[in-house]
């Protein structure tokens, strides 16, 4: 579990959570497991922008 005490940690933590949700979805759907590289670092710029809105 991540305890984010500041928004600047969002870009590092959130891609991993996205990956976990993608794994869960794949398990329920019976589809292939996603590749972590599809979430990180490709989603880091999005979460960096999002974190800026909360800081």
N, C-alpha and C. Protein backbone atom coordinates (compact mmCIF):
# COMPACT_ATOMS: atom_id res chain seq x y z
N UNK A 1 0.84 -1.16 0.00
CA UNK A 1 0.00 0.00 0.00
C UNK A 1 0.89 1.23 0.00
N UNK A 2 0.51 2.20 -0.80
CA UNK A 2 1.25 3.46 -0.87
C UNK A 2 0.51 4.53 -0.09
N UNK A 3 1.26 5.21 0.74
CA UNK A 3 0.72 6.37 1.44
C UNK A 3 1.41 7.58 0.83
N UNK A 4 0.68 8.28 0.00
CA UNK A 4 1.26 9.43 -0.67
C UNK A 4 1.04 10.67 0.19
N UNK A 5 2.13 11.15 0.78
CA UNK A 5 2.01 12.33 1.63
C UNK A 5 2.23 13.62 0.85
N UNK A 6 2.53 13.49 -0.44
CA UNK A 6 2.64 14.67 -1.29
C UNK A 6 2.36 14.25 -2.73
N UNK A 7 1.89 15.19 -3.51
CA UNK A 7 1.51 14.92 -4.90
C UNK A 7 2.71 14.58 -5.78
N UNK A 8 3.90 14.96 -5.37
CA UNK A 8 5.07 14.69 -6.22
C UNK A 8 5.40 13.20 -6.32
N UNK A 9 4.79 12.37 -5.49
CA UNK A 9 5.02 10.93 -5.56
C UNK A 9 4.06 10.22 -6.52
N UNK A 10 3.05 10.94 -6.98
CA UNK A 10 2.05 10.34 -7.87
C UNK A 10 2.66 9.75 -9.14
N UNK A 11 3.56 10.46 -9.84
CA UNK A 11 4.10 9.91 -11.08
C UNK A 11 4.84 8.58 -10.92
N UNK A 12 5.39 8.32 -9.75
CA UNK A 12 6.10 7.06 -9.51
C UNK A 12 5.18 5.94 -9.07
N UNK A 13 4.13 6.27 -8.32
CA UNK A 13 3.27 5.23 -7.75
C UNK A 13 2.11 4.84 -8.66
N UNK A 14 1.50 5.80 -9.31
CA UNK A 14 0.28 5.52 -10.05
C UNK A 14 0.42 4.57 -11.23
N UNK A 15 1.51 4.62 -12.02
CA UNK A 15 1.60 3.63 -13.11
C UNK A 15 1.56 2.19 -12.59
N UNK A 16 2.10 1.95 -11.41
CA UNK A 16 2.05 0.62 -10.83
C UNK A 16 0.64 0.20 -10.47
N UNK A 17 -0.15 1.15 -9.96
CA UNK A 17 -1.55 0.85 -9.65
C UNK A 17 -2.34 0.59 -10.92
N UNK A 18 -2.05 1.34 -11.95
CA UNK A 18 -2.71 1.10 -13.25
C UNK A 18 -2.41 -0.31 -13.73
N UNK A 19 -1.15 -0.72 -13.57
CA UNK A 19 -0.75 -2.06 -13.97
C UNK A 19 -1.51 -3.12 -13.17
N UNK A 20 -1.64 -2.90 -11.88
CA UNK A 20 -2.39 -3.85 -11.04
C UNK A 20 -3.84 -3.97 -11.50
N UNK A 21 -4.44 -2.85 -11.84
CA UNK A 21 -5.82 -2.89 -12.33
C UNK A 21 -5.90 -3.60 -13.68
N UNK A 22 -4.90 -3.39 -14.53
CA UNK A 22 -4.86 -4.09 -15.82
C UNK A 22 -4.71 -5.60 -15.62
N UNK A 23 -3.90 -6.00 -14.63
CA UNK A 23 -3.75 -7.43 -14.32
C UNK A 23 -5.07 -8.02 -13.84
N UNK A 24 -5.76 -7.29 -12.98
CA UNK A 24 -7.04 -7.75 -12.46
C UNK A 24 -8.06 -7.90 -13.60
N UNK A 25 -8.10 -6.93 -14.47
CA UNK A 25 -9.01 -6.98 -15.62
C UNK A 25 -8.69 -8.18 -16.50
N UNK A 26 -7.41 -8.41 -16.77
CA UNK A 26 -7.01 -9.55 -17.60
C UNK A 26 -7.42 -10.87 -16.94
N UNK A 27 -7.29 -10.95 -15.63
CA UNK A 27 -7.67 -12.17 -14.92
C UNK A 27 -9.16 -12.44 -15.04
N UNK A 28 -9.96 -11.39 -14.90
CA UNK A 28 -11.41 -11.57 -15.02
C UNK A 28 -11.84 -11.86 -16.44
N UNK A 29 -11.19 -11.21 -17.40
CA UNK A 29 -11.56 -11.38 -18.81
C UNK A 29 -10.96 -12.62 -19.46
N UNK A 30 -9.95 -13.20 -18.81
CA UNK A 30 -9.27 -14.35 -19.40
C UNK A 30 -8.38 -13.94 -20.57
N UNK A 31 -7.92 -12.70 -20.55
CA UNK A 31 -7.04 -12.21 -21.61
C UNK A 31 -5.59 -12.27 -21.15
N UNK A 32 -4.65 -12.12 -22.08
CA UNK A 32 -3.23 -12.17 -21.68
C UNK A 32 -2.87 -11.08 -20.69
N UNK A 33 -1.90 -11.41 -19.85
CA UNK A 33 -1.42 -10.43 -18.88
C UNK A 33 -0.76 -9.26 -19.60
N UNK A 34 -0.99 -8.06 -19.13
CA UNK A 34 -0.35 -6.90 -19.74
C UNK A 34 1.14 -6.85 -19.40
N UNK A 35 1.86 -6.08 -20.16
CA UNK A 35 3.29 -5.86 -19.92
C UNK A 35 3.43 -4.59 -19.09
N UNK A 36 4.23 -4.64 -18.03
CA UNK A 36 4.41 -3.47 -17.18
C UNK A 36 4.95 -2.28 -17.97
N UNK A 37 5.71 -2.55 -19.02
CA UNK A 37 6.27 -1.47 -19.84
C UNK A 37 5.17 -0.67 -20.53
N UNK A 38 3.98 -1.23 -20.64
CA UNK A 38 2.87 -0.47 -21.22
C UNK A 38 2.36 0.60 -20.26
N UNK A 39 2.62 0.44 -18.98
CA UNK A 39 2.17 1.40 -17.98
C UNK A 39 3.29 2.35 -17.55
N UNK A 40 4.45 1.81 -17.37
CA UNK A 40 5.57 2.62 -16.88
C UNK A 40 6.74 2.37 -17.79
N UNK A 41 7.35 3.33 -18.37
CA UNK A 41 7.25 4.75 -18.10
C UNK A 41 6.26 5.50 -19.00
N UNK A 42 5.53 4.81 -19.83
CA UNK A 42 4.68 5.50 -20.79
C UNK A 42 3.60 6.36 -20.15
N UNK A 43 3.12 6.00 -18.98
CA UNK A 43 2.06 6.78 -18.33
C UNK A 43 2.60 7.84 -17.37
N UNK A 44 3.90 7.84 -17.14
CA UNK A 44 4.48 8.78 -16.19
C UNK A 44 4.21 10.24 -16.56
N UNK A 45 4.34 10.65 -17.84
CA UNK A 45 4.04 12.06 -18.15
C UNK A 45 2.60 12.46 -17.80
N UNK A 46 1.66 11.57 -18.03
CA UNK A 46 0.26 11.86 -17.69
C UNK A 46 0.12 12.09 -16.18
N UNK A 47 0.72 11.23 -15.39
CA UNK A 47 0.60 11.36 -13.95
C UNK A 47 1.42 12.52 -13.41
N UNK A 48 2.49 12.89 -14.11
CA UNK A 48 3.26 14.08 -13.71
C UNK A 48 2.39 15.32 -13.90
N UNK A 49 1.69 15.39 -15.01
CA UNK A 49 0.77 16.52 -15.26
C UNK A 49 -0.36 16.54 -14.22
N UNK A 50 -0.91 15.38 -13.95
CA UNK A 50 -1.98 15.28 -12.97
C UNK A 50 -1.51 15.71 -11.59
N UNK A 51 -0.32 15.29 -11.19
CA UNK A 51 0.22 15.65 -9.88
C UNK A 51 0.38 17.16 -9.77
N UNK A 52 0.73 17.81 -10.86
CA UNK A 52 0.89 19.26 -10.84
C UNK A 52 -0.40 19.97 -10.50
N UNK A 53 -1.53 19.37 -10.78
CA UNK A 53 -2.82 19.97 -10.46
C UNK A 53 -3.14 19.88 -8.97
N UNK A 54 -2.45 19.00 -8.26
CA UNK A 54 -2.72 18.80 -6.84
C UNK A 54 -1.65 19.40 -5.93
N UNK A 55 -0.58 19.92 -6.54
CA UNK A 55 0.48 20.47 -5.68
C UNK A 55 0.33 21.94 -5.46
